[in-house]
PDB file of all heavy atoms in Angstrom:
ATOM      1  N   VAL A   1      36.414 150.710-145.150  1.00  0.00           N
ATOM      2  CA  VAL A   1      36.680 152.010-145.767  1.00  0.00           C
ATOM      3  C   VAL A   1      35.452 152.902-145.759  1.00  0.00           C
ATOM      4  O   VAL A   1      35.524 154.071-146.096  1.00  0.00           O
ATOM      5  CB  VAL A   1      37.157 151.837-147.219  1.00  0.00           C
ATOM      6  CG1 VAL A   1      38.484 151.121-147.243  1.00  0.00           C
ATOM      7  CG2 VAL A   1      36.126 151.074-148.045  1.00  0.00           C
ATOM      8  N   ASN A   2      34.304 152.356-145.374  1.00  0.00           N
ATOM      9  CA  ASN A   2      33.058 153.117-145.337  1.00  0.00           C
ATOM     10  C   ASN A   2      32.492 153.046-143.926  1.00  0.00           C
ATOM     11  O   ASN A   2      31.861 152.073-143.556  1.00  0.00           O
ATOM     12  CB  ASN A   2      32.048 152.533-146.321  1.00  0.00           C
ATOM     13  CG  ASN A   2      32.614 152.532-147.720  1.00  0.00           C
ATOM     14  OD1 ASN A   2      32.743 153.564-148.331  1.00  0.00           O
ATOM     15  ND2 ASN A   2      32.978 151.346-148.198  1.00  0.00           N
ATOM     16  N   PRO A   3      32.725 154.060-143.133  1.00  0.00           N
ATOM     17  CA  PRO A   3      32.355 153.985-141.718  1.00  0.00           C
ATOM     18  C   PRO A   3      30.865 153.732-141.533  1.00  0.00           C
ATOM     19  O   PRO A   3      30.029 154.152-142.336  1.00  0.00           O
ATOM     20  CB  PRO A   3      32.732 155.376-141.194  1.00  0.00           C
ATOM     21  CG  PRO A   3      33.741 155.880-142.159  1.00  0.00           C
ATOM     22  CD  PRO A   3      33.382 155.303-143.483  1.00  0.00           C
ATOM     23  N   GLU A   4      30.550 153.034-140.453  1.00  0.00           N
ATOM     24  CA  GLU A   4      29.162 152.747-140.157  1.00  0.00           C
ATOM     25  C   GLU A   4      28.438 154.016-139.721  1.00  0.00           C
ATOM     26  O   GLU A   4      28.974 154.846-139.005  1.00  0.00           O
ATOM     27  CB  GLU A   4      29.072 151.706-139.037  1.00  0.00           C
ATOM     28  CG  GLU A   4      29.645 150.356-139.419  1.00  0.00           C
ATOM     29  CD  GLU A   4      29.571 149.369-138.276  1.00  0.00           C
ATOM     30  OE1 GLU A   4      28.979 149.733-137.251  1.00  0.00           O
ATOM     31  OE2 GLU A   4      30.103 148.267-138.416  1.00  0.00           O
ATOM     32  N   LYS A   5      27.187 154.135-140.130  1.00  0.00           N
ATOM     33  CA  LYS A   5      26.343 155.197-139.632  1.00  0.00           C
ATOM     34  C   LYS A   5      25.707 154.745-138.322  1.00  0.00           C
ATOM     35  O   LYS A   5      25.653 153.568-138.003  1.00  0.00           O
ATOM     36  CB  LYS A   5      25.233 155.521-140.635  1.00  0.00           C
ATOM     37  CG  LYS A   5      25.706 156.216-141.885  1.00  0.00           C
ATOM     38  CD  LYS A   5      24.496 156.623-142.710  1.00  0.00           C
ATOM     39  CE  LYS A   5      24.928 157.428-143.923  1.00  0.00           C
ATOM     40  NZ  LYS A   5      23.757 157.865-144.717  1.00  0.00           N
ATOM     41  N   ASP A   6      25.175 155.707-137.587  1.00  0.00           N
ATOM     42  CA  ASP A   6      24.393 155.359-136.414  1.00  0.00           C
ATOM     43  C   ASP A   6      23.149 154.598-136.851  1.00  0.00           C
ATOM     44  O   ASP A   6      22.645 154.772-137.953  1.00  0.00           O
ATOM     45  CB  ASP A   6      23.973 156.623-135.660  1.00  0.00           C
ATOM     46  CG  ASP A   6      25.173 157.349-135.070  1.00  0.00           C
ATOM     47  OD1 ASP A   6      26.205 156.685-134.838  1.00  0.00           O
ATOM     48  OD2 ASP A   6      25.071 158.561-134.859  1.00  0.00           O
ATOM     49  N   GLU A   7      22.652 153.778-135.931  1.00  0.00           N
ATOM     50  CA  GLU A   7      21.411 153.072-136.227  1.00  0.00           C
ATOM     51  C   GLU A   7      20.293 154.078-136.489  1.00  0.00           C
ATOM     52  O   GLU A   7      20.185 155.091-135.820  1.00  0.00           O
ATOM     53  CB  GLU A   7      21.025 152.184-135.049  1.00  0.00           C
ATOM     54  CG  GLU A   7      19.763 151.380-135.285  1.00  0.00           C
ATOM     55  CD  GLU A   7      19.453 150.448-134.140  1.00  0.00           C
ATOM     56  OE1 GLU A   7      18.924 150.925-133.111  1.00  0.00           O
ATOM     57  OE2 GLU A   7      19.732 149.254-134.266  1.00  0.00           O
ATOM     58  N   PHE A   8      19.479 153.794-137.487  1.00  0.00           N
ATOM     59  CA  PHE A   8      18.362 154.677-137.773  1.00  0.00           C
ATOM     60  C   PHE A   8      17.063 153.880-137.763  1.00  0.00           C
ATOM     61  O   PHE A   8      17.045 152.672-137.970  1.00  0.00           O
ATOM     62  CB  PHE A   8      18.529 155.404-139.114  1.00  0.00           C
ATOM     63  CG  PHE A   8      18.769 154.503-140.292  1.00  0.00           C
ATOM     64  CD1 PHE A   8      17.712 154.011-141.036  1.00  0.00           C
ATOM     65  CD2 PHE A   8      20.068 154.154-140.661  1.00  0.00           C
ATOM     66  CE1 PHE A   8      17.933 153.191-142.139  1.00  0.00           C
ATOM     67  CE2 PHE A   8      20.296 153.329-141.758  1.00  0.00           C
ATOM     68  CZ  PHE A   8      19.230 152.848-142.503  1.00  0.00           C
ATOM     69  N   VAL A   9      15.970 154.554-137.496  1.00  0.00           N
ATOM     70  CA  VAL A   9      14.663 153.923-137.402  1.00  0.00           C
ATOM     71  C   VAL A   9      13.739 154.590-138.399  1.00  0.00           C
ATOM     72  O   VAL A   9      13.658 155.814-138.470  1.00  0.00           O
ATOM     73  CB  VAL A   9      14.077 154.048-135.985  1.00  0.00           C
ATOM     74  CG1 VAL A   9      12.685 153.428-135.933  1.00  0.00           C
ATOM     75  CG2 VAL A   9      14.994 153.389-134.967  1.00  0.00           C
ATOM     76  N   ILE A  10      13.067 153.762-139.199  1.00  0.00           N
ATOM     77  CA  ILE A  10      12.154 154.275-140.222  1.00  0.00           C
ATOM     78  C   ILE A  10      10.782 153.673-139.965  1.00  0.00           C
ATOM     79  O   ILE A  10      10.557 152.493-140.241  1.00  0.00           O
ATOM     80  CB  ILE A  10      12.627 153.888-141.635  1.00  0.00           C
ATOM     81  CG1 ILE A  10      14.068 154.303-141.855  1.00  0.00           C
ATOM     82  CG2 ILE A  10      11.711 154.492-142.688  1.00  0.00           C
ATOM     83  CD1 ILE A  10      14.683 153.680-143.071  1.00  0.00           C
ATOM     84  N   ASN A  11       9.894 154.466-139.417  1.00  0.00           N
ATOM     85  CA  ASN A  11       8.534 154.007-139.160  1.00  0.00           C
ATOM     86  C   ASN A  11       8.505 152.682-138.404  1.00  0.00           C
ATOM     87  O   ASN A  11       7.704 151.810-138.673  1.00  0.00           O
ATOM     88  CB  ASN A  11       7.767 153.870-140.469  1.00  0.00           C
ATOM     89  CG  ASN A  11       7.738 155.147-141.257  1.00  0.00           C
ATOM     90  OD1 ASN A  11       7.522 156.218-140.688  1.00  0.00           O
ATOM     91  ND2 ASN A  11       7.972 155.070-142.553  1.00  0.00           N
ATOM     92  N   GLY A  12       9.428 152.529-137.472  1.00  0.00           N
ATOM     93  CA  GLY A  12       9.493 151.316-136.683  1.00  0.00           C
ATOM     94  C   GLY A  12      10.447 150.280-137.218  1.00  0.00           C
ATOM     95  O   GLY A  12      10.831 149.365-136.498  1.00  0.00           O
ATOM     96  N   PHE A  13      10.873 150.373-138.456  1.00  0.00           N
ATOM     97  CA  PHE A  13      11.847 149.449-139.036  1.00  0.00           C
ATOM     98  C   PHE A  13      13.244 149.998-138.768  1.00  0.00           C
ATOM     99  O   PHE A  13      13.524 151.156-139.043  1.00  0.00           O
ATOM    100  CB  PHE A  13      11.624 149.290-140.542  1.00  0.00           C
ATOM    101  CG  PHE A  13      10.361 148.576-140.886  1.00  0.00           C
ATOM    102  CD1 PHE A  13       9.154 149.250-140.890  1.00  0.00           C
ATOM    103  CD2 PHE A  13      10.371 147.227-141.196  1.00  0.00           C
ATOM    104  CE1 PHE A  13       7.977 148.590-141.207  1.00  0.00           C
ATOM    105  CE2 PHE A  13       9.201 146.562-141.513  1.00  0.00           C
ATOM    106  CZ  PHE A  13       7.998 147.241-141.510  1.00  0.00           C
ATOM    107  N   ARG A  14      14.124 149.151-138.280  1.00  0.00           N
ATOM    108  CA  ARG A  14      15.447 149.606-137.882  1.00  0.00           C
ATOM    109  C   ARG A  14      16.489 149.314-138.957  1.00  0.00           C
ATOM    110  O   ARG A  14      16.534 148.214-139.507  1.00  0.00           O
ATOM    111  CB  ARG A  14      15.874 148.931-136.576  1.00  0.00           C
ATOM    112  CG  ARG A  14      14.980 149.259-135.410  1.00  0.00           C
ATOM    113  CD  ARG A  14      15.659 148.915-134.093  1.00  0.00           C
ATOM    114  NE  ARG A  14      16.213 147.576-134.102  1.00  0.00           N
ATOM    115  CZ  ARG A  14      15.534 146.489-133.773  1.00  0.00           C
ATOM    116  NH1 ARG A  14      14.257 146.590-133.448  1.00  0.00           N
ATOM    117  NH2 ARG A  14      16.102 145.303-133.761  1.00  0.00           N
ATOM    118  N   GLY A  15      17.335 150.278-139.236  1.00  0.00           N
ATOM    119  CA  GLY A  15      18.496 150.061-140.074  1.00  0.00           C
ATOM    120  C   GLY A  15      19.715 149.975-139.177  1.00  0.00           C
ATOM    121  O   GLY A  15      19.999 150.884-138.402  1.00  0.00           O
ATOM    122  N   SER A  16      20.457 148.886-139.239  1.00  0.00           N
ATOM    123  CA  SER A  16      21.547 148.681-138.292  1.00  0.00           C
ATOM    124  C   SER A  16      22.787 149.484-138.656  1.00  0.00           C
ATOM    125  O   SER A  16      23.398 150.109-137.812  1.00  0.00           O
ATOM    126  CB  SER A  16      21.902 147.199-138.214  1.00  0.00           C
ATOM    127  OG  SER A  16      20.812 146.474-137.702  1.00  0.00           O
ATOM    128  N   TYR A  17      23.181 149.428-139.906  1.00  0.00           N
ATOM    129  CA  TYR A  17      24.262 150.274-140.371  1.00  0.00           C
ATOM    130  C   TYR A  17      24.219 150.330-141.883  1.00  0.00           C
ATOM    131  O   TYR A  17      23.578 149.519-142.531  1.00  0.00           O
ATOM    132  CB  TYR A  17      25.633 149.831-139.870  1.00  0.00           C
ATOM    133  CG  TYR A  17      26.067 148.439-140.228  1.00  0.00           C
ATOM    134  CD1 TYR A  17      26.654 148.159-141.457  1.00  0.00           C
ATOM    135  CD2 TYR A  17      25.934 147.400-139.317  1.00  0.00           C
ATOM    136  CE1 TYR A  17      27.076 146.893-141.765  1.00  0.00           C
ATOM    137  CE2 TYR A  17      26.357 146.119-139.624  1.00  0.00           C
ATOM    138  CZ  TYR A  17      26.924 145.870-140.847  1.00  0.00           C
ATOM    139  OH  TYR A  17      27.342 144.607-141.150  1.00  0.00           O
ATOM    140  N   GLN A  18      24.904 151.295-142.433  1.00  0.00           N
ATOM    141  CA  GLN A  18      24.765 151.550-143.859  1.00  0.00           C
ATOM    142  C   GLN A  18      26.114 151.934-144.455  1.00  0.00           C
ATOM    143  O   GLN A  18      26.788 152.802-143.940  1.00  0.00           O
ATOM    144  CB  GLN A  18      23.765 152.694-144.083  1.00  0.00           C
ATOM    145  CG  GLN A  18      23.595 153.072-145.538  1.00  0.00           C
ATOM    146  CD  GLN A  18      22.558 154.172-145.702  1.00  0.00           C
ATOM    147  OE1 GLN A  18      22.037 154.665-144.728  1.00  0.00           O
ATOM    148  NE2 GLN A  18      22.275 154.551-146.918  1.00  0.00           N
ATOM    149  N   TYR A  19      26.503 151.266-145.530  1.00  0.00           N
ATOM    150  CA  TYR A  19      27.687 151.641-146.271  1.00  0.00           C
ATOM    151  C   TYR A  19      27.289 152.582-147.391  1.00  0.00           C
ATOM    152  O   TYR A  19      26.372 152.303-148.148  1.00  0.00           O
ATOM    153  CB  TYR A  19      28.382 150.408-146.847  1.00  0.00           C
ATOM    154  CG  TYR A  19      29.016 149.542-145.791  1.00  0.00           C
ATOM    155  CD1 TYR A  19      28.368 148.416-145.316  1.00  0.00           C
ATOM    156  CD2 TYR A  19      30.244 149.875-145.250  1.00  0.00           C
ATOM    157  CE1 TYR A  19      28.942 147.622-144.338  1.00  0.00           C
ATOM    158  CE2 TYR A  19      30.832 149.092-144.271  1.00  0.00           C
ATOM    159  CZ  TYR A  19      30.178 147.964-143.823  1.00  0.00           C
ATOM    160  OH  TYR A  19      30.746 147.194-142.850  1.00  0.00           O
ATOM    161  N   THR A  20      27.973 153.691-147.488  1.00  0.00           N
ATOM    162  CA  THR A  20      27.544 154.732-148.428  1.00  0.00           C
ATOM    163  C   THR A  20      28.439 154.857-149.652  1.00  0.00           C
ATOM    164  O   THR A  20      28.119 155.586-150.568  1.00  0.00           O
ATOM    165  CB  THR A  20      27.510 156.093-147.719  1.00  0.00           C
ATOM    166  OG1 THR A  20      28.802 156.365-147.168  1.00  0.00           O
ATOM    167  CG2 THR A  20      26.476 156.089-146.600  1.00  0.00           C
ATOM    168  N   ALA A  21      29.548 154.198-149.665  1.00  0.00           N
ATOM    169  CA  ALA A  21      30.445 154.281-150.820  1.00  0.00           C
ATOM    170  C   ALA A  21      30.757 152.875-151.316  1.00  0.00           C
ATOM    171  O   ALA A  21      30.361 151.884-150.730  1.00  0.00           O
ATOM    172  CB  ALA A  21      31.734 155.007-150.443  1.00  0.00           C
ATOM    173  N   ALA A  22      31.460 152.817-152.426  1.00  0.00           N
ATOM    174  CA  ALA A  22      31.817 151.512-152.985  1.00  0.00           C
ATOM    175  C   ALA A  22      32.769 150.785-152.047  1.00  0.00           C
ATOM    176  O   ALA A  22      33.591 151.394-151.367  1.00  0.00           O
ATOM    177  CB  ALA A  22      32.484 151.700-154.342  1.00  0.00           C
ATOM    178  N   ILE A  23      32.640 149.471-152.006  1.00  0.00           N
ATOM    179  CA  ILE A  23      33.529 148.642-151.201  1.00  0.00           C
ATOM    180  C   ILE A  23      34.359 147.783-152.145  1.00  0.00           C
ATOM    181  O   ILE A  23      33.814 147.133-153.037  1.00  0.00           O
ATOM    182  CB  ILE A  23      32.728 147.760-150.236  1.00  0.00           C
ATOM    183  CG1 ILE A  23      32.043 148.662-149.210  1.00  0.00           C
ATOM    184  CG2 ILE A  23      33.600 146.724-149.585  1.00  0.00           C
ATOM    185  CD1 ILE A  23      31.472 147.958-148.038  1.00  0.00           C
ATOM    186  N   ASP A  24      35.649 147.820-151.954  1.00  0.00           N
ATOM    187  CA  ASP A  24      36.545 147.012-152.773  1.00  0.00           C
ATOM    188  C   ASP A  24      36.346 147.312-154.256  1.00  0.00           C
ATOM    189  O   ASP A  24      36.418 146.435-155.112  1.00  0.00           O
ATOM    190  CB  ASP A  24      36.307 145.525-152.489  1.00  0.00           C
ATOM    191  CG  ASP A  24      37.438 144.656-153.024  1.00  0.00           C
ATOM    192  OD1 ASP A  24      38.580 145.152-153.084  1.00  0.00           O
ATOM    193  OD2 ASP A  24      37.171 143.500-153.373  1.00  0.00           O
ATOM    194  N   GLY A  25      36.054 148.569-154.561  1.00  0.00           N
ATOM    195  CA  GLY A  25      35.944 148.978-155.951  1.00  0.00           C
ATOM    196  C   GLY A  25      34.643 148.624-156.623  1.00  0.00           C
ATOM    197  O   GLY A  25      34.490 148.809-157.824  1.00  0.00           O
ATOM    198  N   ILE A  26      33.669 148.128-155.870  1.00  0.00           N
ATOM    199  CA  ILE A  26      32.391 147.731-156.450  1.00  0.00           C
ATOM    200  C   ILE A  26      31.380 148.842-156.231  1.00  0.00           C
ATOM    201  O   ILE A  26      31.119 149.242-155.107  1.00  0.00           O
ATOM    202  CB  ILE A  26      31.880 146.429-155.816  1.00  0.00           C
ATOM    203  CG1 ILE A  26      32.909 145.323-156.006  1.00  0.00           C
ATOM    204  CG2 ILE A  26      30.556 146.012-156.434  1.00  0.00           C
ATOM    205  CD1 ILE A  26      32.640 144.110-155.182  1.00  0.00           C
ATOM    206  N   ASP A  27      30.796 149.366-157.283  1.00  0.00           N
ATOM    207  CA  ASP A  27      29.837 150.454-157.171  1.00  0.00           C
ATOM    208  C   ASP A  27      28.451 149.927-156.822  1.00  0.00           C
ATOM    209  O   ASP A  27      28.108 148.782-157.103  1.00  0.00           O
ATOM    210  CB  ASP A  27      29.747 151.235-158.490  1.00  0.00           C
ATOM    211  CG  ASP A  27      31.029 151.991-158.790  1.00  0.00           C
ATOM    212  OD1 ASP A  27      31.685 152.415-157.824  1.00  0.00           O
ATOM    213  OD2 ASP A  27      31.359 152.130-159.976  1.00  0.00           O
ATOM    214  N   ASN A  28      27.641 150.792-156.242  1.00  0.00           N
ATOM    215  CA  ASN A  28      26.252 150.445-155.992  1.00  0.00           C
ATOM    216  C   ASN A  28      25.531 150.208-157.316  1.00  0.00           C
ATOM    217  O   ASN A  28      25.830 150.826-158.331  1.00  0.00           O
ATOM    218  CB  ASN A  28      25.558 151.559-155.211  1.00  0.00           C
ATOM    219  CG  ASN A  28      26.094 151.678-153.797  1.00  0.00           C
ATOM    220  OD1 ASN A  28      26.592 150.715-153.232  1.00  0.00           O
ATOM    221  ND2 ASN A  28      25.998 152.857-153.240  1.00  0.00           N
ATOM    222  N   PHE A  29      24.548 149.329-157.277  1.00  0.00           N
ATOM    223  CA  PHE A  29      23.840 148.917-158.488  1.00  0.00           C
ATOM    224  C   PHE A  29      22.469 149.569-158.545  1.00  0.00           C
ATOM    225  O   PHE A  29      21.715 149.550-157.561  1.00  0.00           O
ATOM    226  CB  PHE A  29      23.693 147.391-158.513  1.00  0.00           C
ATOM    227  CG  PHE A  29      22.903 146.887-159.679  1.00  0.00           C
ATOM    228  CD1 PHE A  29      23.459 146.857-160.947  1.00  0.00           C
ATOM    229  CD2 PHE A  29      21.588 146.461-159.521  1.00  0.00           C
ATOM    230  CE1 PHE A  29      22.724 146.400-162.035  1.00  0.00           C
ATOM    231  CE2 PHE A  29      20.841 145.998-160.592  1.00  0.00           C
ATOM    232  CZ  PHE A  29      21.418 145.969-161.862  1.00  0.00           C
ATOM    233  N   ASP A  30      22.095 150.120-159.686  1.00  0.00           N
ATOM    234  CA  ASP A  30      20.787 150.728-159.876  1.00  0.00           C
ATOM    235  C   ASP A  30      19.876 149.730-160.600  1.00  0.00           C
ATOM    236  O   ASP A  30      20.038 149.482-161.798  1.00  0.00           O
ATOM    237  CB  ASP A  30      20.897 152.013-160.683  1.00  0.00           C
ATOM    238  CG  ASP A  30      19.556 152.704-160.872  1.00  0.00           C
ATOM    239  OD1 ASP A  30      18.532 152.163-160.395  1.00  0.00           O
ATOM    240  OD2 ASP A  30      19.536 153.783-161.489  1.00  0.00           O
TER     241      ASP A  30
END
């Protein structure tokens, strides 16, 4: 339900994909 983002690179460290919304009703934790 949360489409993958394109791969991103941060100062040489790679992020493969990122979920931006809750999955299965579980919210992100602070």
